Protein backbone atom coordinates (compact mmCIF):
# COMPACT_ATOMS: atom_id res chain seq x y z
CA MET A 1 24.30 80.79 104.19
CA LEU A 2 24.21 84.48 103.32
CA THR A 3 21.20 85.87 101.47
CA THR A 4 21.83 86.98 97.89
CA PRO A 5 22.03 90.74 98.71
CA LYS A 6 24.48 90.08 101.54
CA MET A 7 26.57 87.75 99.37
CA THR A 8 26.71 90.43 96.66
CA LEU A 9 27.89 93.01 99.19
CA MET A 10 30.51 90.56 100.52
CA GLN A 11 31.82 89.78 97.02
CA GLU A 12 32.07 93.51 96.21
CA LEU A 13 33.90 94.13 99.49
CA ILE A 14 36.37 91.30 98.80
CA ALA A 15 36.97 92.38 95.21
CA GLY A 16 37.83 95.93 96.27
CA SER A 17 40.10 95.01 99.19
CA SER A 18 43.86 94.62 99.33
CA ARG A 19 45.57 91.56 100.84
CA GLU A 20 46.35 93.48 104.04
CA GLU A 21 42.75 94.65 104.31
CA LEU A 22 41.48 91.09 103.85
CA ILE A 23 43.81 89.84 106.60
CA TRP A 24 42.51 92.59 108.92
CA LEU A 25 38.90 91.78 107.97
CA SER A 26 39.47 88.09 108.65
CA GLY A 27 40.80 88.84 112.10
CA TYR A 28 37.97 91.29 112.78
CA LEU A 29 35.30 88.74 111.87
CA ALA A 30 37.04 86.09 113.97
CA GLY A 31 36.84 88.48 116.93
CA VAL A 32 33.14 89.11 116.31
CA VAL A 33 32.43 85.38 116.12
CA ALA A 34 34.31 84.80 119.37
CA GLN A 35 31.97 87.21 121.17
CA VAL A 36 28.79 85.45 119.96
CA THR A 37 27.44 82.90 122.46
CA PRO A 38 27.06 79.31 121.20
CA ALA A 39 23.29 79.48 121.66
CA ALA A 40 23.08 82.42 119.30
CA ALA A 41 25.01 80.65 116.58
CA PRO A 42 22.82 79.02 113.92
CA VAL A 43 22.91 75.24 114.30
CA THR A 44 22.81 74.64 110.57
CA ALA A 45 25.61 77.05 109.74
CA ALA A 46 28.14 75.58 107.32
CA PRO A 47 31.71 75.31 108.62
CA GLN A 48 33.77 78.36 107.68
CA PRO A 49 37.45 78.28 106.70
CA ALA A 50 39.82 79.25 109.50
CA PRO A 51 40.86 82.89 109.34
CA ALA A 52 44.40 83.61 108.20
CA ALA A 53 46.85 83.67 111.09
CA ALA A 54 47.70 87.20 112.08
CA PRO A 55 51.39 88.00 111.67
CA VAL A 56 53.41 88.05 114.88
CA THR A 57 53.85 91.64 115.94
CA THR A 58 57.11 93.17 116.99
CA GLY A 59 55.75 93.70 120.48
CA THR A 60 55.64 89.93 121.14
CA LEU A 61 59.26 89.36 120.16
CA PRO A 62 62.41 90.29 122.07
CA LYS A 63 64.53 93.35 121.36
CA ILE A 64 68.08 92.31 120.58
CA THR A 65 71.48 93.94 120.27
CA ILE A 66 73.92 92.70 117.63
CA ALA A 67 77.48 93.93 118.26
CA TYR A 68 80.46 93.24 116.02
CA GLY A 69 84.21 93.41 116.47
CA THR A 70 85.97 93.46 113.13
CA GLU A 71 89.37 94.04 111.58
CA THR A 72 88.71 93.34 107.90
CA GLY A 73 84.96 93.99 107.79
CA ASN A 74 83.78 90.36 107.65
CA ALA A 75 82.27 90.42 111.16
CA LYS A 76 80.47 93.68 110.35
CA LYS A 77 79.11 92.22 107.12
CA LEU A 78 77.69 89.18 108.94
CA ALA A 79 76.27 91.26 111.80
CA THR A 80 74.58 93.57 109.30
CA ASP A 81 73.07 90.58 107.52
CA PHE A 82 71.89 89.17 110.86
CA ALA A 83 70.20 92.47 111.75
CA ALA A 84 68.47 92.69 108.36
CA ARG A 85 67.15 89.13 108.61
CA ALA A 86 65.98 89.70 112.19
CA LYS A 87 64.00 92.80 111.20
CA LYS A 88 62.30 90.87 108.40
CA LYS A 89 61.13 88.46 111.09
CA GLY A 90 59.64 91.34 113.10
CA ILE A 91 62.47 91.42 115.65
CA GLN A 92 63.69 94.85 116.74
CA ALA A 93 67.48 94.65 116.29
CA LYS A 94 70.07 97.27 117.23
CA LEU A 95 73.32 96.99 115.26
CA VAL A 96 76.51 98.49 116.73
CA GLY A 97 80.27 98.17 116.43
CA LEU A 98 81.98 97.15 119.68
CA GLU A 99 84.23 100.21 119.44
CA GLN A 100 81.12 102.41 119.77
CA TYR A 101 79.13 100.22 122.14
CA ARG A 102 78.39 101.92 125.48
CA LEU A 103 79.87 99.49 127.96
CA ASN A 104 77.49 100.54 130.76
CA ASP A 105 74.58 99.32 128.61
CA LEU A 106 75.73 95.71 128.86
CA SER A 107 74.19 95.22 132.30
CA LYS A 108 70.85 96.43 130.91
CA GLU A 109 70.80 94.06 127.93
CA GLU A 110 68.49 91.07 127.80
CA TYR A 111 69.45 89.64 124.39
CA PHE A 112 73.01 90.33 123.24
CA PHE A 113 74.69 88.69 120.26
CA THR A 114 78.21 89.36 119.13
CA VAL A 115 80.15 88.54 115.97
CA ILE A 116 83.87 88.85 116.66
CA SER A 117 87.04 87.96 114.77
CA THR A 118 90.44 86.93 116.13
CA GLN A 119 93.65 88.71 115.17
CA GLY A 120 97.36 87.98 115.45
CA ASP A 121 98.21 85.73 118.36
CA GLY A 122 94.66 85.04 119.52
CA GLU A 123 93.83 88.69 120.20
CA PRO A 124 90.54 90.54 119.70
CA PRO A 125 90.36 93.22 117.00
CA ALA A 126 91.60 96.64 118.10
CA ALA A 127 88.03 97.93 117.79
CA ALA A 128 86.82 95.33 120.33
CA LYS A 129 89.65 95.69 122.89
CA LYS A 130 87.74 97.99 125.30
CA PHE A 131 84.76 95.65 125.32
CA TYR A 132 87.03 92.63 125.77
CA ASP A 133 88.80 94.26 128.74
CA HIS A 134 85.49 95.45 130.24
CA ILE A 135 83.92 91.99 130.50
CA HIS A 136 87.10 90.66 132.12
CA GLN A 137 86.96 93.21 134.93
CA ASN A 138 86.32 91.95 138.45
CA GLY A 139 82.86 92.48 139.88
CA LEU A 140 80.88 92.62 136.63
CA LYS A 141 77.63 90.62 136.87
CA LEU A 142 75.21 90.01 133.99
CA ASP A 143 72.53 87.79 135.52
CA ARG A 144 69.75 88.86 133.12
CA LEU A 145 71.82 88.57 129.93
CA LYS A 146 70.99 85.99 127.28
CA TYR A 147 73.68 85.78 124.63
CA SER A 148 75.42 83.91 121.85
CA VAL A 149 78.75 84.38 120.10
CA LEU A 150 79.75 83.87 116.47
CA ALA A 151 83.56 83.68 116.23
CA LEU A 152 85.50 84.25 113.03
CA GLY A 153 89.04 83.02 112.59
CA ASP A 154 91.47 81.08 110.48
CA THR A 155 92.21 77.42 111.23
CA SER A 156 95.73 77.93 109.92
CA TYR A 157 96.55 79.93 113.05
CA PRO A 158 97.44 78.20 116.33
CA LEU A 159 94.83 80.05 118.42
CA PHE A 160 91.85 79.64 116.13
CA CYS A 161 88.90 81.86 117.16
CA LYS A 162 90.53 82.49 120.57
CA ALA A 163 88.99 85.96 121.00
CA GLY A 164 85.50 84.56 120.38
CA GLU A 165 86.14 81.67 122.78
CA ASP A 166 87.28 84.10 125.47
CA VAL A 167 84.22 86.34 125.07
CA ASP A 168 81.83 83.37 125.11
CA GLN A 169 83.40 81.84 128.23
CA GLN A 170 83.65 85.14 130.10
CA LEU A 171 80.04 86.19 129.43
CA HIS A 172 78.95 82.82 130.82
CA LYS A 173 81.29 83.13 133.78
CA ILE A 174 79.81 86.46 134.86
CA GLY A 175 76.23 85.25 134.75
CA GLY A 176 75.17 85.35 131.11
CA GLN A 177 73.00 82.54 129.77
CA ARG A 178 73.88 81.02 126.39
CA ILE A 179 70.89 80.54 124.15
CA LEU A 180 73.07 78.98 121.45
CA SER A 181 76.53 77.45 121.74
CA LEU A 182 79.57 79.24 120.41
CA ARG A 183 79.95 78.81 116.65
CA LYS A 184 83.49 79.01 115.22
CA CYS A 185 84.00 79.75 111.54
CA ASP A 186 87.03 79.48 109.28
CA THR A 187 87.78 81.87 106.42
CA ASP A 188 85.04 80.24 104.30
CA TYR A 189 82.47 81.30 106.84
CA GLU A 190 79.30 82.07 104.86
CA ALA A 191 77.39 78.77 105.17
CA GLU A 192 78.33 78.16 108.80
CA ALA A 193 77.49 81.74 109.83
CA SER A 194 74.15 81.62 108.00
CA SER A 195 73.28 78.41 109.85
CA TRP A 196 74.05 80.10 113.18
CA ILE A 197 71.83 83.06 112.30
CA ASP A 198 69.01 80.73 111.21
CA SER A 199 69.22 78.83 114.49
CA LEU A 200 69.06 82.02 116.55
CA LEU A 201 66.14 83.45 114.61
CA GLN A 202 64.29 80.17 115.04
CA GLN A 203 64.87 80.32 118.80
CA LEU A 204 63.76 83.94 119.03
CA ASN A 205 60.62 83.34 116.97
CA ASN A 206 59.53 80.17 118.77
CA PRO A 207 57.27 81.06 121.71
CA ALA A 208 56.85 77.38 122.58
CA ALA A 209 60.54 77.11 123.40
CA PRO A 210 61.68 80.60 124.34
CA ALA A 211 65.37 81.27 124.08
CA SER A 212 65.47 82.37 127.71
CA HIS A 213 64.80 78.74 128.78
CA ALA A 214 67.59 77.25 126.71
CA PRO A 215 70.24 75.64 128.93
CA ALA A 216 73.75 76.95 128.97
CA ALA A 217 75.81 74.70 126.73
CA PRO A 218 79.51 74.15 126.35
CA ALA A 219 81.18 75.68 123.33
CA ALA A 220 80.54 73.67 120.20
CA ALA A 221 83.42 71.96 118.52
CA VAL A 222 84.62 73.62 115.34
CA ARG A 223 82.99 72.38 112.18
CA PRO A 224 85.57 72.32 109.42
CA THR A 225 84.48 74.47 106.53
CA GLY A 226 86.94 73.20 103.96
CA LYS A 227 89.08 76.24 103.30
CA LYS A 228 89.94 76.12 99.63
CA ILE A 229 93.67 75.86 98.95
CA PHE A 230 94.85 76.86 95.48
CA THR A 231 98.11 75.93 93.81
CA GLY A 232 99.57 78.51 91.46
CA THR A 233 102.68 78.55 89.32
CA VAL A 234 105.15 81.42 89.51
CA LEU A 235 105.26 83.35 86.23
CA ALA A 236 107.67 86.11 87.25
CA ASN A 237 109.69 87.26 90.25
CA ILE A 238 111.22 90.75 89.91
CA ASN A 239 113.11 92.82 92.46
CA LEU A 240 111.49 96.25 92.24
CA ASN A 241 114.33 98.05 94.02
CA ASP A 242 117.28 99.29 91.99
CA ARG A 243 120.95 98.61 92.73
CA GLY A 244 122.14 100.45 95.79
CA SER A 245 118.86 100.20 97.67
CA ALA A 246 118.83 99.10 101.30
CA LYS A 247 115.66 97.17 100.53
CA GLN A 248 114.59 94.18 98.50
CA THR A 249 110.97 94.25 97.33
CA HIS A 250 109.74 91.50 95.03
CA HIS A 251 106.91 91.64 92.52
CA LEU A 252 105.55 88.12 92.02
CA GLU A 253 103.10 87.00 89.37
CA ILE A 254 101.31 83.70 90.03
CA THR A 255 98.78 81.80 87.94
CA ALA A 256 95.34 81.92 89.52
CA GLU A 257 92.78 80.26 87.28
CA ASP A 258 89.27 80.13 88.76
CA VAL A 259 90.34 82.07 91.84
CA ASP A 260 87.64 84.49 92.99
CA TYR A 261 89.01 87.67 94.56
CA GLN A 262 88.40 91.41 94.57
CA PRO A 263 90.71 94.43 94.86
CA GLY A 264 91.47 94.84 98.55
CA ASP A 265 91.69 91.10 99.29
CA ALA A 266 94.84 89.29 100.43
CA ILE A 267 96.17 85.78 100.08
CA GLY A 268 97.43 83.60 102.89
CA ILE A 269 100.62 81.59 102.43
CA VAL A 270 101.92 79.02 104.90
CA PRO A 271 105.73 79.05 104.58
CA ALA A 272 107.96 75.99 104.82
CA ASN A 273 110.76 75.79 107.38
CA PRO A 274 114.35 75.65 106.06
CA ALA A 275 115.36 72.07 105.23
CA ALA A 276 118.75 72.56 106.93
CA LEU A 277 117.05 73.52 110.21
CA VAL A 278 114.82 70.44 110.07
CA GLU A 279 117.74 68.10 109.38
CA ALA A 280 119.73 69.64 112.24
CA ILE A 281 116.88 68.93 114.69
CA ILE A 282 116.53 65.35 113.47
CA ALA A 283 120.30 64.76 113.70
CA LEU A 284 120.51 66.29 117.20
CA THR A 285 117.70 64.16 118.63
CA GLY A 286 118.37 60.96 116.69
CA ALA A 287 114.68 60.81 115.73
CA ASP A 288 113.34 58.70 112.86
CA ALA A 289 112.56 61.23 110.10
CA ASP A 290 110.16 58.80 108.41
CA ARG A 291 108.17 57.93 111.53
CA THR A 292 104.45 58.61 111.00
CA LEU A 293 102.76 60.93 113.49
CA LEU A 294 99.21 62.25 113.80
CA HIS A 295 98.62 65.99 113.36
CA ARG A 296 95.11 67.47 113.19
CA SER A 297 93.59 64.10 112.35
CA GLU A 298 96.04 63.52 109.48
CA GLU A 299 99.15 61.34 109.32
CA HIS A 300 102.51 62.88 108.38
CA THR A 301 106.11 61.82 108.56
CA LEU A 302 108.19 63.59 111.19
CA ARG A 303 110.23 65.32 108.48
CA ASN A 304 107.11 66.65 106.73
CA LEU A 305 105.65 67.85 110.03
CA LEU A 306 108.80 69.74 110.98
CA GLN A 307 109.27 71.25 107.53
CA ARG A 308 105.72 72.10 106.41
CA LYS A 309 103.30 71.97 109.33
CA LEU A 310 104.83 73.00 112.66
CA ASN A 311 106.38 76.24 113.88
CA ILE A 312 109.99 75.52 114.87
CA VAL A 313 111.59 78.90 114.14
CA TYR A 314 110.40 81.14 117.01
CA LEU A 315 108.38 79.27 119.63
CA PRO A 316 105.95 81.46 121.60
CA GLU A 317 106.34 81.66 125.36
CA ARG A 318 103.34 79.37 126.00
CA VAL A 319 105.04 76.58 124.03
CA VAL A 320 108.37 77.15 125.80
CA SER A 321 106.50 76.81 129.10
CA LYS A 322 105.04 73.45 128.00
CA TYR A 323 108.51 72.34 126.87
CA ALA A 324 109.86 73.15 130.33
CA GLY A 325 107.20 70.90 131.84
CA ILE A 326 108.20 68.01 129.59
CA VAL A 327 111.95 68.22 130.27
CA LYS A 328 111.32 69.26 133.90
CA GLN A 329 113.64 72.26 133.84
CA ASP A 330 113.24 75.95 134.69
CA ILE A 331 113.36 77.88 131.41
CA PRO A 332 113.00 81.66 131.19
CA GLU A 333 109.91 82.91 129.31
CA THR A 334 111.30 83.89 125.95
CA LYS A 335 110.89 83.34 122.23
CA ILE A 336 113.45 80.85 120.97
CA SER A 337 113.88 78.39 118.11
CA LEU A 338 113.30 74.69 118.72
CA LEU A 339 116.89 73.87 117.73
CA ASP A 340 118.34 76.31 120.28
CA LEU A 341 115.94 75.05 122.93
CA LEU A 342 117.03 71.46 122.30
CA LYS A 343 120.69 72.47 122.49
CA ILE A 344 120.38 74.43 125.75
CA TYR A 345 117.76 72.30 127.51
CA PRO A 346 118.05 68.87 125.81
CA VAL A 347 115.42 66.16 126.01
CA LYS A 348 116.39 63.07 128.02
CA ASN A 349 115.19 60.52 125.48
CA ILE A 350 113.37 60.08 122.18
CA ASP A 351 109.97 59.74 123.86
CA GLN A 352 110.40 63.19 125.39
CA PHE A 353 111.19 64.57 121.94
CA TYR A 354 108.02 63.08 120.43
CA ALA A 355 106.10 64.63 123.35
CA VAL A 356 107.68 67.98 122.41
CA VAL A 357 106.55 67.55 118.81
CA GLY A 358 103.03 67.10 120.19
CA ILE A 359 103.01 70.57 121.80
CA LEU A 360 104.33 72.44 118.76
CA GLU A 361 101.85 74.78 117.09
CA PRO A 362 101.05 75.06 113.37
CA ILE A 363 103.02 77.48 111.23
CA ALA A 364 100.96 80.66 111.07
CA PRO A 365 100.12 81.84 107.55
CA ARG A 366 101.42 85.17 106.30
CA LEU A 367 98.94 87.49 104.62
CA TYR A 368 99.95 89.54 101.57
CA SER A 369 97.73 92.16 99.95
CA ILE A 370 96.96 91.31 96.34
CA SER A 371 98.43 93.90 94.00
CA SER A 372 96.68 92.75 90.81
CA SER A 373 93.20 93.42 89.46
CA PRO A 374 90.89 90.57 88.40
CA GLU A 375 89.70 92.84 85.59
CA ALA A 376 93.15 93.83 84.33
CA HIS A 377 95.16 90.68 85.18
CA SER A 378 92.75 87.85 84.42
CA GLY A 379 93.90 84.44 85.64
CA GLU A 380 96.75 85.88 87.72
CA ILE A 381 97.49 87.10 91.23
CA HIS A 382 100.31 89.57 91.83
CA LEU A 383 102.07 90.17 95.14
CA THR A 384 104.38 92.91 96.40
CA VAL A 385 106.66 91.32 99.02
CA ALA A 386 109.38 93.04 101.04
CA ARG A 387 112.10 90.60 102.04
CA ASP A 388 112.15 91.06 105.80
CA ARG A 389 115.68 91.44 107.18
CA PHE A 390 116.57 91.91 110.85
CA SER A 391 119.40 91.32 113.29
CA VAL A 392 119.46 88.97 116.30
CA ASN A 393 122.54 89.18 118.54
CA GLY A 394 124.48 90.72 115.68
CA GLU A 395 123.48 88.00 113.23
CA THR A 396 121.42 88.86 110.11
CA LYS A 397 118.12 86.98 109.91
CA TYR A 398 115.37 86.93 107.28
CA GLY A 399 111.63 86.56 107.56
CA LEU A 400 110.59 82.95 107.02
CA CYS A 401 107.92 83.54 104.37
CA SER A 402 109.26 86.66 102.64
CA ASP A 403 112.67 85.05 102.27
CA GLY A 404 111.14 81.93 100.76
CA LEU A 405 109.03 83.95 98.32
CA SER A 406 112.00 86.08 97.28
CA HIS A 407 113.84 82.94 96.11
CA LEU A 408 111.01 81.50 94.01
CA ARG A 409 111.67 81.04 90.29
CA PRO A 410 109.32 80.84 87.30
CA GLY A 411 107.74 77.41 87.25
CA ASP A 412 107.81 76.94 91.03
CA ALA A 413 104.50 76.05 92.72
CA VAL A 414 102.86 78.19 95.43
CA GLU A 415 100.00 77.09 97.67
CA PHE A 416 97.69 79.81 98.97
CA TYR A 417 94.15 80.66 100.01
CA VAL A 418 92.17 83.87 99.54
CA HIS A 419 91.59 86.05 102.60
CA HIS A 420 88.61 88.25 101.74
CA ASN A 421 88.48 91.78 103.19
CA SER A 422 84.92 93.02 102.79
CA GLN A 423 85.81 96.35 104.41
CA PHE A 424 88.69 97.35 102.13
CA ARG A 425 86.64 97.73 98.97
CA LEU A 426 86.50 100.27 96.15
CA PRO A 427 83.50 102.62 96.28
CA ALA A 428 81.11 103.30 93.38
CA GLU A 429 82.90 104.13 90.13
CA ASP A 430 81.92 107.82 90.28
CA LYS A 431 83.36 108.35 93.78
CA ASP A 432 86.76 109.97 94.40
CA VAL A 433 89.48 107.97 96.15
CA ILE A 434 92.50 109.03 98.25
CA MET A 435 95.08 106.25 98.71
CA ILE A 436 97.91 106.48 101.25
CA GLY A 437 100.37 103.62 100.87
CA PRO A 438 104.08 103.96 101.72
CA GLY A 439 106.39 101.06 100.83
CA THR A 440 104.55 97.78 100.23
CA GLY A 441 101.39 99.60 101.28
CA ILE A 442 101.20 100.41 97.56
CA ALA A 443 100.09 96.82 96.85
CA PRO A 444 96.28 97.12 97.13
CA PHE A 445 96.36 100.53 95.45
CA ARG A 446 98.04 99.09 92.37
CA SER A 447 95.06 96.72 92.34
CA PHE A 448 92.62 99.63 92.83
CA LEU A 449 94.12 101.72 90.04
CA ALA A 450 94.35 98.85 87.55
CA GLU A 451 90.74 97.92 88.28
CA ARG A 452 89.44 101.48 87.90
CA ASP A 453 91.49 101.93 84.73
CA SER A 454 90.07 98.74 83.19
CA LYS A 455 86.49 99.66 84.07
CA GLY A 456 86.79 103.30 83.02
CA ALA A 457 85.69 104.55 86.46
CA LEU A 458 84.89 108.27 86.46
CA GLY A 459 85.92 109.03 90.04
CA LYS A 460 89.18 110.89 90.66
CA ASN A 461 92.19 109.10 92.22
CA TRP A 462 94.88 110.62 94.43
CA LEU A 463 97.86 108.52 95.52
CA PHE A 464 100.29 109.30 98.37
CA PHE A 465 103.37 107.08 98.10
CA GLY A 466 106.56 107.14 100.14
CA ASP A 467 109.81 105.20 100.51
CA GLN A 468 113.50 105.89 101.15
CA HIS A 469 114.98 107.07 97.81
CA PHE A 470 113.43 108.22 94.54
CA THR A 471 116.08 106.60 92.34
CA THR A 472 116.08 103.14 93.95
CA ASP A 473 112.79 102.72 95.83
CA PHE A 474 109.99 104.19 93.68
CA LEU A 475 107.94 100.98 93.40
CA TYR A 476 105.93 100.59 90.17
CA GLN A 477 107.25 103.97 88.99
CA THR A 478 106.62 103.36 85.27
CA GLU A 479 103.05 102.15 85.80
CA ILE A 480 102.27 105.06 88.09
CA GLN A 481 103.65 107.56 85.59
CA ASP A 482 101.53 105.96 82.85
CA TRP A 483 98.42 106.29 85.01
CA VAL A 484 99.23 109.97 85.49
CA LYS A 485 99.65 110.49 81.74
CA THR A 486 96.37 108.76 80.91
CA GLY A 487 94.45 110.58 83.64
CA VAL A 488 93.70 107.53 85.77
CA LEU A 489 95.71 109.17 88.54
CA SER A 490 94.42 112.70 89.06
CA ARG A 491 97.15 113.49 91.60
CA ILE A 492 100.33 111.77 92.79
CA THR A 493 102.15 112.97 95.91
CA THR A 494 105.45 111.31 96.82
CA ALA A 495 107.69 111.46 99.88
CA PHE A 496 111.20 109.99 99.75
CA SER A 497 112.46 110.18 103.29
CA ARG A 498 116.23 109.84 102.74
CA ASP A 499 116.63 112.21 99.76
CA GLN A 500 117.23 115.24 102.00
CA VAL A 501 118.80 115.98 105.36
CA GLU A 502 115.51 115.95 107.26
CA LYS A 503 113.35 112.89 106.80
CA VAL A 504 110.11 113.56 104.94
CA TYR A 505 107.22 111.11 105.18
CA VAL A 506 103.78 110.93 103.59
CA GLN A 507 102.15 112.64 106.57
CA HIS A 508 104.39 115.68 105.99
CA LYS A 509 103.26 115.85 102.37
CA MET A 510 99.65 115.52 103.52
CA ARG A 511 100.05 118.66 105.61
CA CYS A 512 101.42 120.50 102.57
CA GLN A 513 98.27 119.50 100.66
CA ALA A 514 95.90 120.10 103.59
CA THR A 515 93.48 122.50 101.86
CA GLU A 516 92.99 120.31 98.78
CA LEU A 517 92.84 117.13 100.82
CA TYR A 518 90.09 118.53 103.05
CA HIS A 519 88.20 119.72 99.96
CA TRP A 520 88.24 116.14 98.65
CA LEU A 521 86.87 114.93 101.98
CA GLU A 522 84.11 117.52 101.92
CA THR A 523 83.09 116.49 98.42
CA GLY A 524 82.71 112.81 99.36
CA ALA A 525 86.11 111.21 98.74
CA HIS A 526 86.91 107.81 100.29
CA VAL A 527 90.27 107.50 102.10
CA TYR A 528 92.29 104.28 102.21
CA LEU A 529 95.41 103.66 104.28
CA CYS A 530 97.70 100.64 103.91
CA GLY A 531 101.12 99.84 105.35
CA ALA A 532 102.92 99.53 108.67
CA LYS A 533 100.72 99.95 111.74
CA ASN A 534 103.38 101.56 113.89
CA PRO A 535 104.30 104.30 113.67
CA MET A 536 103.12 105.09 110.11
CA SER A 537 99.38 104.52 110.37
CA VAL A 538 99.20 106.28 113.74
CA ASP A 539 101.08 109.31 112.38
CA VAL A 540 98.91 109.46 109.25
CA GLU A 541 95.67 109.31 111.22
CA ASP A 542 96.90 112.00 113.63
CA THR A 543 97.79 114.16 110.61
CA LEU A 544 94.37 113.60 109.10
CA LEU A 545 92.76 114.72 112.36
CA SER A 546 94.97 117.80 112.39
CA ILE A 547 93.96 118.69 108.81
CA ILE A 548 90.27 118.27 109.62
CA ARG A 549 90.65 120.44 112.69
CA GLN A 550 92.64 123.13 110.87
CA GLU A 551 90.87 123.30 107.52
CA GLY A 552 87.39 122.68 108.93
CA GLN A 553 87.97 125.12 111.81
CA LYS A 554 86.83 122.48 114.27
CA SER A 555 87.66 121.70 117.87
CA ALA A 556 89.62 118.54 118.66
CA ALA A 557 86.39 116.78 119.69
CA GLN A 558 84.61 117.87 116.53
CA ALA A 559 87.51 116.67 114.36
CA GLU A 560 87.45 113.25 116.08
CA SER A 561 83.70 113.06 115.56
CA TYR A 562 84.16 113.95 111.87
CA LEU A 563 86.73 111.19 111.42
CA GLU A 564 84.53 108.67 113.27
CA GLU A 565 81.68 109.50 110.91
CA LEU A 566 83.99 108.81 107.96
CA LYS A 567 84.90 105.44 109.46
CA GLU A 568 81.30 104.53 110.19
CA ALA A 569 80.30 105.43 106.63
CA GLY A 570 83.14 103.28 105.26
CA ARG A 571 84.91 106.37 103.89
CA PHE A 572 88.09 105.93 105.94
CA VAL A 573 89.38 102.36 106.09
CA LYS A 574 92.74 100.88 106.99
CA ASP A 575 94.64 97.71 106.17
CA VAL A 576 97.70 97.90 108.40
CA TYR A 577 100.17 95.35 109.72
């Protein structure tokens, strides 16, 4: 026991010390005790409480790289969360987008984790394409790499999480060692992704079972996350184009009670195949329309499968190739409808047809930007849908989903799910916003403006809108004019390409406003671009670079760096299709 004077000194020291100082003192005393020989220790000393465990220092934990490949910002959001949680655990984490990742650094990495989404027909995001191509090059070896992949996708698409699967398999093929199996997440990814992060952090923080000793494991099977499907009722369906227009653009209003979305989000709709096409296939093959078949662990009648579940309109080349194997015929690699395929290369019997049904892929959902504001249009979701019209061998065809939506009437039911876009978000209410949205690219900006109007946001708003003709194609003209009158829209710049001899597009009007546009950039404005990817978005971005170079008196390299900084800061974002 301590003598009274020593105990008094100890109590005074404890009372005047912070928690961190007490932890240090505990460790210091433990070190002193460890250096005292057993013989010197008093035999009658009372047992002392064990000193508090010293926190694990960063030096004992691995340094990790977290790289993300994103299209809508969800992968970036998860990677950022992963990095923040790792740092709280004392792990030194470097966060980087795959578009900016130095590919030569990959061979130097020890711990590399990637969060990557899948786009379109199983492709990686554009920002991740260079990385994707790099790891598939011949001769690359990564024998010291320890890695794991979190893949984001949408189970409604045929090639769910294909980009993530490819990256996971290729990193293993070239020598990388998985420390956690591939995790695949659907659109409701939060819980599954958080579980993956928890598992990795546990591995990295467990010295008894270091991640480097974990065996390579096959990719884990997808865990269904229960994507929430909503059913809304059509309230209105209005053609926004006037008589004489070459276009048909529909404004749809749909009930959406208890649907959580934000401006910038989209909804996914899985279209139904035309009933006449389904009946023609059934009649041609002599199949039993009411026969029950298994599809994705659920039973459906053949008719329901062909009409609501399976893609029969334009089969991709990989499906045509499988069809050729079933009927044992040489078929050119081409996109073709199932009906035409059956007519030209018929099945020999009904069993072959059922085998063909087994290789058909799900109907891919179509994404439509939401054009309503949850603040201004409570309980509703609005869409702006262009009826897609095209020609095949001289015959007029219509887009499967847009055509179906254009024919909906008030009272009809619509099934959909919400596709969140965490990148395409409004900034703080005092920030200025530049919106560039030709044609149906106006959709999210109608949502933006209605939201800012309802909330009384103080930031200025500048809209660039373009279409073919002022008199027939000025979408939401009355609303836009009202926003100008009330000051919600600080500036409106329009470009109607067919109203003069030479075609004028939004990028031409941007050049005319170059000085003011650059001033907005310099004073902190956020720029949003929505609409067709090619050639519109490419032309607009090239024009923006030109304006930065000209008005900022910068070299081409400096202008590109300036634009990259805007992107990295979330001040230039795109939603293109």
